[in-house]
Amino acid sequence: MAWVEFRPPPVHAEVREEIGLPPSGVPIMSSISKPGSFRPEFFRFLRDLAKNNNRPWFQAHKSTYESEVLTPSLAFVEAVAPKVAAISPMLVGDARPVGGSLMRIYRDVRFSKDKSP
């Protein structure tokens, strides 16, 4: 079976300007995210989590997760939601911390036979 790559149709210059996207060829992220919204601590936390993927470590660093990962991620979803909705109303960005667009940081193992992280 061959992989089929989906490429969305190009957004014409007039539409790009109307919905606030940068000109074609300019990375969209440069116009959506605020400078510095994902600080180095964001990526450091994720690297450290990959090395220490266990509940005691996460509990000890939960405040860092909330301030350096969760808060900037929710701000990003909130900033990007109107621009994404302008392109496709089928895509919804929901910046609620629970039940929104972000997934849980930990795996729900309540009904799983494999309880490993």
C-alpha atoms as a PDB file:
ATOM      1  CA  MET A   1       0.000   0.000   0.000  1.00  0.00           C
ATOM      2  CA  ALA A   2       1.414   3.394  -0.984  1.00  0.00           C
ATOM      3  CA  TRP A   3       1.243   6.445   1.214  1.00  0.00           C
ATOM      4  CA  VAL A   4      -0.801   9.289  -0.161  1.00  0.00           C
ATOM      5  CA  GLU A   5       0.347  12.733   0.851  1.00  0.00           C
ATOM      6  CA  PHE A   6      -2.402  15.278   1.398  1.00  0.00           C
ATOM      7  CA  ARG A   7      -1.554  18.815   0.495  1.00  0.00           C
ATOM      8  CA  PRO A   8      -4.185  21.433   1.176  1.00  0.00           C
ATOM      9  CA  PRO A   9      -4.974  23.792  -1.677  1.00  0.00           C
ATOM     10  CA  PRO A  10      -2.930  26.986  -1.691  1.00  0.00           C
ATOM     11  CA  VAL A  11      -4.441  30.001   0.000  1.00  0.00           C
ATOM     12  CA  HIS A  12      -4.582  32.910  -2.423  1.00  0.00           C
ATOM     13  CA  ALA A  13      -2.846  36.165  -1.507  1.00  0.00           C
ATOM     14  CA  GLU A  14      -6.098  38.091  -1.020  1.00  0.00           C
ATOM     15  CA  VAL A  15      -7.462  35.468   1.369  1.00  0.00           C
ATOM     16  CA  ARG A  16      -4.138  35.244   3.221  1.00  0.00           C
ATOM     17  CA  GLU A  17      -4.184  38.994   3.786  1.00  0.00           C
ATOM     18  CA  GLU A  18      -7.850  39.019   4.800  1.00  0.00           C
ATOM     19  CA  ILE A  19      -7.410  36.381   7.516  1.00  0.00           C
ATOM     20  CA  GLY A  20      -4.070  37.714   8.727  1.00  0.00           C
ATOM     21  CA  LEU A  21      -1.673  35.084   7.370  1.00  0.00           C
ATOM     22  CA  PRO A  22       1.774  36.116   6.156  1.00  0.00           C
ATOM     23  CA  PRO A  23       2.599  36.110   2.434  1.00  0.00           C
ATOM     24  CA  SER A  24       3.210  32.748   0.810  1.00  0.00           C
ATOM     25  CA  GLY A  25       6.665  31.407   1.640  1.00  0.00           C
ATOM     26  CA  VAL A  26       6.806  33.083   5.074  1.00  0.00           C
ATOM     27  CA  PRO A  27       6.372  30.582   7.929  1.00  0.00           C
ATOM     28  CA  ILE A  28       2.895  30.857   9.406  1.00  0.00           C
ATOM     29  CA  MET A  29       4.253  30.427  12.926  1.00  0.00           C
ATOM     30  CA  SER A  30       6.095  33.745  12.622  1.00  0.00           C
ATOM     31  CA  SER A  31       2.772  35.565  12.380  1.00  0.00           C
ATOM     32  CA  ILE A  32       0.764  33.485  14.850  1.00  0.00           C
ATOM     33  CA  SER A  33       2.867  32.974  17.923  1.00  0.00           C
ATOM     34  CA  LYS A  34       4.107  35.796  20.061  1.00  0.00           C
ATOM     35  CA  PRO A  35       7.896  36.084  20.142  1.00  0.00           C
ATOM     36  CA  GLY A  36       9.200  34.009  23.004  1.00  0.00           C
ATOM     37  CA  SER A  37       5.921  32.204  23.649  1.00  0.00           C
ATOM     38  CA  PHE A  38       7.711  28.848  23.750  1.00  0.00           C
ATOM     39  CA  ARG A  39      10.747  29.482  25.884  1.00  0.00           C
ATOM     40  CA  PRO A  40      13.753  27.172  26.164  1.00  0.00           C
ATOM     41  CA  GLU A  41      12.327  25.896  29.472  1.00  0.00           C
ATOM     42  CA  PHE A  42       9.393  24.437  27.506  1.00  0.00           C
ATOM     43  CA  PHE A  43      11.704  22.165  25.514  1.00  0.00           C
ATOM     44  CA  ARG A  44      13.983  21.489  28.501  1.00  0.00           C
ATOM     45  CA  PHE A  45      10.998  20.210  30.485  1.00  0.00           C
ATOM     46  CA  LEU A  46       9.979  17.870  27.652  1.00  0.00           C
ATOM     47  CA  ARG A  47      13.549  16.540  27.307  1.00  0.00           C
ATOM     48  CA  ASP A  48      13.765  15.982  31.062  1.00  0.00           C
ATOM     49  CA  LEU A  49      10.367  14.287  31.069  1.00  0.00           C
ATOM     50  CA  ALA A  50      11.526  11.893  28.339  1.00  0.00           C
ATOM     51  CA  LYS A  51      14.462  10.918  30.574  1.00  0.00           C
ATOM     52  CA  ASN A  52      12.338  10.710  33.752  1.00  0.00           C
ATOM     53  CA  ASN A  53       9.022   9.331  32.576  1.00  0.00           C
ATOM     54  CA  ASN A  54       7.607   8.450  35.981  1.00  0.00           C
ATOM     55  CA  ARG A  55       4.952   9.826  38.310  1.00  0.00           C
ATOM     56  CA  PRO A  56       7.208  10.867  41.222  1.00  0.00           C
ATOM     57  CA  TRP A  57       9.409  12.987  38.915  1.00  0.00           C
ATOM     58  CA  PHE A  58       6.386  14.566  37.240  1.00  0.00           C
ATOM     59  CA  GLN A  59       4.715  15.346  40.585  1.00  0.00           C
ATOM     60  CA  ALA A  60       7.916  17.048  41.762  1.00  0.00           C
ATOM     61  CA  HIS A  61       8.008  19.142  38.555  1.00  0.00           C
ATOM     62  CA  LYS A  62       4.292  19.744  38.063  1.00  0.00           C
ATOM     63  CA  SER A  63       4.554  23.489  38.742  1.00  0.00           C
ATOM     64  CA  THR A  64       7.182  23.754  35.995  1.00  0.00           C
ATOM     65  CA  TYR A  65       4.881  21.859  33.647  1.00  0.00           C
ATOM     66  CA  GLU A  66       2.008  24.214  34.411  1.00  0.00           C
ATOM     67  CA  SER A  67       4.028  27.422  34.005  1.00  0.00           C
ATOM     68  CA  GLU A  68       6.390  26.476  31.175  1.00  0.00           C
ATOM     69  CA  VAL A  69       4.370  23.988  29.093  1.00  0.00           C
ATOM     70  CA  LEU A  70       0.645  24.124  29.788  1.00  0.00           C
ATOM     71  CA  THR A  71       0.188  27.912  29.991  1.00  0.00           C
ATOM     72  CA  PRO A  72       2.155  28.740  26.795  1.00  0.00           C
ATOM     73  CA  SER A  73       0.457  25.857  24.960  1.00  0.00           C
ATOM     74  CA  LEU A  74      -3.008  27.108  25.885  1.00  0.00           C
ATOM     75  CA  ALA A  75      -2.002  30.638  24.829  1.00  0.00           C
ATOM     76  CA  PHE A  76      -0.826  29.234  21.493  1.00  0.00           C
ATOM     77  CA  VAL A  77      -4.121  27.394  20.936  1.00  0.00           C
ATOM     78  CA  GLU A  78      -6.027  30.558  21.787  1.00  0.00           C
ATOM     79  CA  ALA A  79      -3.905  32.646  19.397  1.00  0.00           C
ATOM     80  CA  VAL A  80      -4.065  30.187  16.521  1.00  0.00           C
ATOM     81  CA  ALA A  81      -7.758  29.222  16.811  1.00  0.00           C
ATOM     82  CA  PRO A  82      -9.263  32.182  14.893  1.00  0.00           C
ATOM     83  CA  LYS A  83      -6.720  31.893  12.096  1.00  0.00           C
ATOM     84  CA  VAL A  84      -7.290  28.162  11.711  1.00  0.00           C
ATOM     85  CA  ALA A  85     -11.084  28.633  11.840  1.00  0.00           C
ATOM     86  CA  ALA A  86     -10.810  31.252   9.093  1.00  0.00           C
ATOM     87  CA  ILE A  87      -9.162  28.659   6.863  1.00  0.00           C
ATOM     88  CA  SER A  88     -11.517  25.824   7.794  1.00  0.00           C
ATOM     89  CA  PRO A  89     -14.520  26.128  10.111  1.00  0.00           C
ATOM     90  CA  MET A  90     -14.248  22.358  10.656  1.00  0.00           C
ATOM     91  CA  LEU A  91     -11.080  22.908  12.722  1.00  0.00           C
ATOM     92  CA  VAL A  92     -11.733  24.230  16.203  1.00  0.00           C
ATOM     93  CA  GLY A  93      -9.110  25.424  18.655  1.00  0.00           C
ATOM     94  CA  ASP A  94     -10.344  25.156  22.222  1.00  0.00           C
ATOM     95  CA  ALA A  95      -8.039  26.637  24.870  1.00  0.00           C
ATOM     96  CA  ARG A  96      -9.716  25.017  27.868  1.00  0.00           C
ATOM     97  CA  PRO A  97      -7.130  23.241  30.047  1.00  0.00           C
ATOM     98  CA  VAL A  98      -9.422  20.215  30.438  1.00  0.00           C
ATOM     99  CA  GLY A  99     -11.561  19.002  27.547  1.00  0.00           C
ATOM    100  CA  GLY A 100     -10.012  21.409  25.059  1.00  0.00           C
ATOM    101  CA  SER A 101      -7.603  20.960  22.166  1.00  0.00           C
ATOM    102  CA  LEU A 102      -4.630  19.849  24.270  1.00  0.00           C
ATOM    103  CA  MET A 103      -4.247  16.238  25.244  1.00  0.00           C
ATOM    104  CA  ARG A 104      -3.284  15.091  28.724  1.00  0.00           C
ATOM    105  CA  ILE A 105       0.415  15.084  29.526  1.00  0.00           C
ATOM    106  CA  TYR A 106       0.077  11.637  31.078  1.00  0.00           C
ATOM    107  CA  ARG A 107      -1.447   8.469  29.736  1.00  0.00           C
ATOM    108  CA  ASP A 108      -4.727   7.298  31.233  1.00  0.00           C
ATOM    109  CA  VAL A 109      -3.998   3.710  32.291  1.00  0.00           C
ATOM    110  CA  ARG A 110      -7.161   3.028  34.306  1.00  0.00           C
ATOM    111  CA  PHE A 111      -8.502   0.484  31.817  1.00  0.00           C
ATOM    112  CA  SER A 112      -5.222  -0.666  30.317  1.00  0.00           C
ATOM    113  CA  LYS A 113      -3.530  -3.991  31.020  1.00  0.00           C
ATOM    114  CA  ASP A 114      -0.187  -2.265  30.410  1.00  0.00           C
ATOM    115  CA  LYS A 115       0.249   0.255  33.247  1.00  0.00           C
ATOM    116  CA  SER A 116       3.686   1.475  32.132  1.00  0.00           C
ATOM    117  CA  PRO A 117       4.053   5.199  31.348  1.00  0.00           C
END
